[in-house]
Amino acid sequence: MASGLFSFQKSMASGSTRAKVTAEFHSKKKVTTEFGDTVTVTPRARHQATIVWLHDLNESGYDSSELVKSFSLYNVKWICPSSPLISNVGFGGAPARAWFKVNEFSSRMPDPYEMEGLKNSAAHVAGLLKNEPENVMKGVAGYGIGGALALHIATCYALGSFPIQIRAVVGINCWLPNRFKLGDQIESIPDATSRAGELSVLVTHGNNDKMVPYETGRSSAEKLSKAGFKQIKLKTIHLCDHAIVFQIMTEVSLWLTRKFELEGEPDTTV
């Protein structure tokens, strides 16, 4: 793994906490971002996996903590951070809680998001996972802009710049940042292809999503596959807009149960 890319001022293992995280970039520029509260949902049975859940635009870790309880995965510890409040986010330009800046989506135009925000948020996620027990499997999941960060972390892991070993990544109604450069980046780094091939990735997307177009999500999954992510699954949720519906929750629960080899079966009747 690459060293020197991430540094942490404080790690957060449990409860509701707040921290500042500093990310050092290749340009040697340091940016400090104040994140909101982090909420932890402890496992109700033997602790087998820890998953960081990343919320959508203008939500918080408190919203995430209520959502993840509905997955009924009793062997999972959920860490639910809150993103920073930043300006010029989304399509209206107003300040909002978000993991990074973004203005629009396109399958042809260069990516318009803020790379420094992505790197800083990825460093924050790494800080949340770094003190988890070595024998516990680790994953990252997210929805909307949180899903975009989750997919970005998947590429960071493949490129050797995410300092935590993760086993599974879930992105719901989202897109892949930096998708136009990914193939060249993977090819340029030794062992990146093998790391990409060993990571399991689930992408679900509603085909009626008006906020993040379905085609953007589909093409993002396709680019991940072409870049060497062999264990990627794209699940189209028909007649679904930008929302987490029961079908998505069932799909994610069953997929995580298989990938983490969780004891028992999730309760899909909730």
Protein backbone atom coordinates (compact mmCIF):
# COMPACT_ATOMS: atom_id res chain seq x y z
CA MET A 1 0.00 0.00 0.00
CA ALA A 2 1.15 3.56 -0.65
CA SER A 3 2.25 5.49 2.41
CA GLY A 4 2.09 9.18 3.28
CA LEU A 5 -1.18 9.83 1.48
CA PHE A 6 -3.39 9.76 4.57
CA SER A 7 -2.85 11.21 8.04
CA PHE A 8 -5.30 11.28 10.91
CA GLN A 9 -5.80 13.73 13.76
CA LYS A 10 -8.31 11.53 15.57
CA SER A 11 -9.90 8.14 15.06
CA MET A 12 -13.44 7.34 16.08
CA ALA A 13 -14.36 3.82 17.14
CA SER A 14 -17.74 4.06 18.82
CA GLY A 15 -20.56 6.32 19.95
CA SER A 16 -21.38 9.71 18.50
CA THR A 17 -18.20 11.67 17.85
CA ARG A 18 -16.78 14.44 15.70
CA ALA A 19 -13.31 14.84 14.21
CA LYS A 20 -11.12 16.88 11.93
CA VAL A 21 -9.15 14.98 9.30
CA THR A 22 -6.15 16.18 7.36
CA ALA A 23 -5.36 14.64 3.98
CA GLU A 24 -1.97 15.19 2.36
CA PHE A 25 -2.11 15.10 -1.42
CA HIS A 26 0.54 14.46 -4.05
CA SER A 27 0.80 18.24 -4.50
CA LYS A 28 1.90 18.45 -0.80
CA LYS A 29 -1.07 20.70 -0.12
CA LYS A 30 -2.81 19.94 3.17
CA VAL A 31 -6.53 20.50 3.60
CA THR A 32 -8.29 20.14 6.94
CA THR A 33 -12.00 19.39 6.89
CA GLU A 34 -14.36 19.28 9.84
CA PHE A 35 -16.74 16.37 9.56
CA GLY A 36 -20.04 16.03 11.40
CA ASP A 37 -20.98 13.48 14.03
CA THR A 38 -20.29 9.79 13.57
CA VAL A 39 -22.84 7.30 14.90
CA THR A 40 -21.96 3.65 15.55
CA VAL A 41 -24.48 0.79 15.47
CA THR A 42 -23.01 -2.14 17.39
CA PRO A 43 -23.57 -5.75 16.26
CA ARG A 44 -26.26 -7.75 18.03
CA ALA A 45 -24.39 -11.05 17.55
CA ARG A 46 -20.76 -12.09 17.02
CA HIS A 47 -18.83 -9.28 15.35
CA GLN A 48 -17.82 -10.54 11.91
CA ALA A 49 -17.71 -7.39 9.77
CA THR A 50 -17.50 -3.61 10.02
CA ILE A 51 -19.06 -1.49 7.29
CA VAL A 52 -18.84 2.28 6.92
CA TRP A 53 -22.13 3.61 5.54
CA LEU A 54 -21.94 6.90 3.62
CA HIS A 55 -25.09 9.00 3.39
CA ASP A 56 -26.50 10.98 0.46
CA LEU A 57 -26.56 14.74 -0.06
CA ASN A 58 -27.83 16.74 2.94
CA GLU A 59 -28.28 13.69 5.16
CA SER A 60 -26.27 12.70 8.24
CA GLY A 61 -24.87 9.77 10.15
CA TYR A 62 -28.01 9.79 12.28
CA ASP A 63 -30.12 9.16 9.17
CA SER A 64 -27.74 6.37 8.15
CA SER A 65 -27.83 4.73 11.58
CA GLU A 66 -31.62 4.33 11.39
CA LEU A 67 -31.42 2.95 7.85
CA VAL A 68 -28.74 0.32 8.48
CA LYS A 69 -30.69 -1.16 11.40
CA SER A 70 -33.32 -2.18 8.84
CA PHE A 71 -30.84 -4.47 7.08
CA SER A 72 -31.03 -6.84 10.08
CA LEU A 73 -27.43 -7.98 9.63
CA TYR A 74 -26.77 -8.81 13.26
CA ASN A 75 -23.07 -9.66 12.83
CA VAL A 76 -22.21 -6.28 11.31
CA LYS A 77 -20.93 -3.21 13.11
CA TRP A 78 -22.04 -0.12 11.20
CA ILE A 79 -20.05 3.12 11.33
CA CYS A 80 -22.15 6.03 10.09
CA PRO A 81 -20.19 9.28 9.65
CA SER A 82 -21.61 12.68 8.70
CA SER A 83 -20.07 14.62 5.85
CA PRO A 84 -18.82 18.19 6.16
CA LEU A 85 -20.93 21.22 5.27
CA ILE A 86 -19.53 22.65 2.05
CA SER A 87 -20.62 25.31 -0.43
CA ASN A 88 -21.33 25.10 -4.16
CA VAL A 89 -22.63 21.56 -3.95
CA GLY A 90 -25.24 19.93 -6.13
CA PHE A 91 -27.12 21.68 -8.85
CA GLY A 92 -28.40 24.70 -6.92
CA GLY A 93 -25.07 25.94 -5.56
CA ALA A 94 -26.30 26.28 -1.96
CA PRO A 95 -24.24 25.01 1.01
CA ALA A 96 -25.02 21.40 1.82
CA ARG A 97 -23.73 18.37 3.67
CA ALA A 98 -21.73 16.43 1.08
CA TRP A 99 -18.58 14.36 0.78
CA PHE A 100 -17.22 16.43 -2.12
CA LYS A 101 -18.30 19.07 -4.62
CA VAL A 102 -20.17 18.11 -7.77
CA ASN A 103 -22.06 20.16 -10.35
CA GLU A 104 -23.39 17.85 -13.05
CA PHE A 105 -23.17 14.36 -14.52
CA SER A 106 -22.15 13.39 -18.03
CA SER A 107 -20.94 10.26 -19.77
CA ARG A 108 -18.80 12.37 -22.10
CA MET A 109 -17.56 15.46 -20.25
CA PRO A 110 -14.55 15.54 -17.87
CA ASP A 111 -15.44 14.90 -14.26
CA PRO A 112 -16.54 18.17 -12.57
CA TYR A 113 -16.16 17.18 -8.92
CA GLU A 114 -13.52 18.35 -6.47
CA MET A 115 -10.71 15.79 -6.18
CA GLU A 116 -9.39 17.24 -2.92
CA GLY A 117 -12.77 16.72 -1.28
CA LEU A 118 -12.80 13.09 -2.45
CA LYS A 119 -9.33 12.45 -1.07
CA ASN A 120 -10.11 14.12 2.24
CA SER A 121 -13.32 12.11 2.69
CA ALA A 122 -11.55 8.88 1.73
CA ALA A 123 -8.93 9.63 4.39
CA HIS A 124 -11.73 10.13 6.91
CA VAL A 125 -13.22 6.73 6.08
CA ALA A 126 -9.80 5.09 6.43
CA GLY A 127 -9.45 6.70 9.85
CA LEU A 128 -12.77 5.21 10.94
CA LEU A 129 -11.67 1.71 9.93
CA LYS A 130 -8.05 1.70 11.03
CA ASN A 131 -8.67 0.59 14.63
CA GLU A 132 -11.11 -2.19 13.80
CA PRO A 133 -9.92 -5.70 14.81
CA GLU A 134 -7.73 -7.44 12.24
CA ASN A 135 -9.91 -10.56 12.25
CA VAL A 136 -13.01 -8.52 11.32
CA MET A 137 -13.79 -8.10 7.61
CA LYS A 138 -14.26 -4.54 6.42
CA GLY A 139 -16.42 -2.85 3.81
CA VAL A 140 -17.71 0.50 2.58
CA ALA A 141 -21.22 1.24 1.33
CA GLY A 142 -23.10 4.36 0.34
CA TYR A 143 -26.07 5.96 -1.37
CA GLY A 144 -26.07 8.78 -3.91
CA ILE A 145 -23.03 10.97 -3.37
CA GLY A 146 -22.05 8.60 -0.55
CA GLY A 147 -22.14 5.73 -3.03
CA ALA A 148 -19.91 7.74 -5.35
CA LEU A 149 -17.38 8.09 -2.54
CA ALA A 150 -17.65 4.34 -1.84
CA LEU A 151 -16.85 3.51 -5.48
CA HIS A 152 -13.98 6.00 -5.39
CA ILE A 153 -12.60 4.20 -2.32
CA ALA A 154 -12.80 0.94 -4.29
CA THR A 155 -10.54 2.44 -6.94
CA CYS A 156 -8.21 3.85 -4.27
CA TYR A 157 -7.90 0.36 -2.82
CA ALA A 158 -7.01 -1.08 -6.22
CA LEU A 159 -4.46 1.68 -6.82
CA GLY A 160 -2.80 1.00 -3.46
CA SER A 161 -3.66 4.38 -1.95
CA PHE A 162 -6.30 3.28 0.57
CA PRO A 163 -4.41 2.00 3.62
CA ILE A 164 -7.11 -0.38 4.90
CA GLN A 165 -7.85 -3.80 3.42
CA ILE A 166 -11.51 -3.91 2.41
CA ARG A 167 -13.42 -6.88 1.12
CA ALA A 168 -16.66 -5.43 -0.29
CA VAL A 169 -18.02 -2.12 -1.60
CA VAL A 170 -21.66 -1.18 -2.26
CA GLY A 171 -22.83 1.82 -4.30
CA ILE A 172 -26.55 2.62 -4.53
CA ASN A 173 -27.93 5.05 -7.15
CA CYS A 174 -24.51 6.59 -7.66
CA TRP A 175 -21.67 7.07 -10.12
CA LEU A 176 -17.93 6.50 -10.29
CA PRO A 177 -15.81 9.64 -9.86
CA ASN A 178 -12.69 9.82 -12.02
CA ARG A 179 -14.16 7.13 -14.28
CA PHE A 180 -12.62 8.59 -17.44
CA LYS A 181 -9.04 8.05 -16.19
CA LEU A 182 -9.41 4.83 -14.24
CA GLY A 183 -8.25 2.36 -16.89
CA ASP A 184 -4.96 4.17 -17.49
CA GLN A 185 -4.36 4.52 -13.75
CA ILE A 186 -4.90 0.80 -13.10
CA GLU A 187 -2.54 -0.16 -15.92
CA SER A 188 0.19 2.16 -14.67
CA ILE A 189 0.48 0.72 -11.13
CA PRO A 190 1.93 -2.74 -10.37
CA ASP A 191 -0.51 -5.13 -8.67
CA ALA A 192 -3.46 -2.76 -9.18
CA THR A 193 -5.20 -5.21 -11.49
CA SER A 194 -4.90 -8.05 -8.96
CA ARG A 195 -6.22 -5.86 -6.14
CA ALA A 196 -9.13 -4.77 -8.32
CA GLY A 197 -9.88 -8.38 -9.19
CA GLU A 198 -10.08 -9.50 -5.56
CA LEU A 199 -12.51 -6.77 -4.41
CA SER A 200 -16.26 -7.48 -4.55
CA VAL A 201 -18.41 -4.55 -5.72
CA LEU A 202 -22.20 -4.25 -5.89
CA VAL A 203 -23.80 -1.38 -7.83
CA THR A 204 -27.59 -0.97 -7.72
CA HIS A 205 -29.43 1.72 -9.63
CA GLY A 206 -33.05 2.62 -10.23
CA ASN A 207 -33.81 2.93 -13.93
CA ASN A 208 -36.15 5.85 -13.21
CA ASP A 209 -33.62 7.89 -11.22
CA LYS A 210 -33.97 11.57 -12.16
CA MET A 211 -31.23 12.82 -9.84
CA VAL A 212 -28.40 10.48 -10.86
CA PRO A 213 -29.25 9.17 -14.34
CA TYR A 214 -29.32 5.40 -14.67
CA GLU A 215 -26.97 5.52 -17.66
CA THR A 216 -24.33 7.22 -15.49
CA GLY A 217 -24.50 4.39 -12.96
CA ARG A 218 -24.54 1.70 -15.63
CA SER A 219 -21.54 3.14 -17.46
CA SER A 220 -19.68 3.51 -14.16
CA ALA A 221 -20.13 -0.21 -13.41
CA GLU A 222 -19.01 -1.00 -16.95
CA LYS A 223 -15.84 1.07 -16.57
CA LEU A 224 -15.03 -0.67 -13.29
CA SER A 225 -15.43 -4.02 -15.00
CA LYS A 226 -13.21 -3.04 -17.93
CA ALA A 227 -10.59 -1.69 -15.51
CA GLY A 228 -10.22 -5.12 -13.90
CA PHE A 229 -12.89 -5.31 -11.20
CA LYS A 230 -13.92 -8.85 -12.03
CA GLN A 231 -16.20 -9.35 -9.04
CA ILE A 232 -18.62 -6.54 -9.86
CA LYS A 233 -22.38 -6.91 -10.04
CA LEU A 234 -24.80 -4.34 -11.50
CA LYS A 235 -28.38 -4.71 -10.31
CA THR A 236 -31.00 -2.64 -12.11
CA ILE A 237 -34.00 -1.78 -9.96
CA HIS A 238 -36.93 -1.32 -12.34
CA LEU A 239 -39.47 1.49 -11.86
CA CYS A 240 -37.36 2.91 -9.02
CA ASP A 241 -36.30 6.53 -8.69
CA HIS A 242 -33.61 8.02 -6.41
CA ALA A 243 -34.63 6.09 -3.31
CA ILE A 244 -33.71 3.06 -1.22
CA VAL A 245 -36.65 0.73 -1.63
CA PHE A 246 -37.33 -2.71 -0.17
CA GLN A 247 -35.92 -4.49 -3.23
CA ILE A 248 -32.62 -2.66 -2.86
CA MET A 249 -32.42 -3.46 0.86
CA THR A 250 -33.07 -7.13 0.17
CA GLU A 251 -30.48 -7.26 -2.61
CA VAL A 252 -27.83 -5.54 -0.49
CA SER A 253 -28.55 -7.67 2.60
CA LEU A 254 -28.30 -10.96 0.75
CA TRP A 255 -25.19 -9.88 -1.17
CA LEU A 256 -23.37 -8.74 2.00
CA THR A 257 -24.37 -11.95 3.78
CA ARG A 258 -22.71 -13.99 1.03
CA LYS A 259 -19.61 -11.84 0.63
CA PHE A 260 -18.87 -11.59 4.35
CA GLU A 261 -20.04 -15.15 5.02
CA LEU A 262 -22.23 -13.87 7.83
CA GLU A 263 -23.80 -16.32 10.22
CA GLY A 264 -27.50 -16.91 9.60
CA GLU A 265 -29.65 -15.25 6.96
CA PRO A 266 -30.84 -11.62 6.98
CA ASP A 267 -34.44 -10.97 7.90
CA THR A 268 -35.86 -9.82 4.54
CA THR A 269 -39.41 -9.48 5.88
CA VAL A 270 -38.68 -6.23 7.78
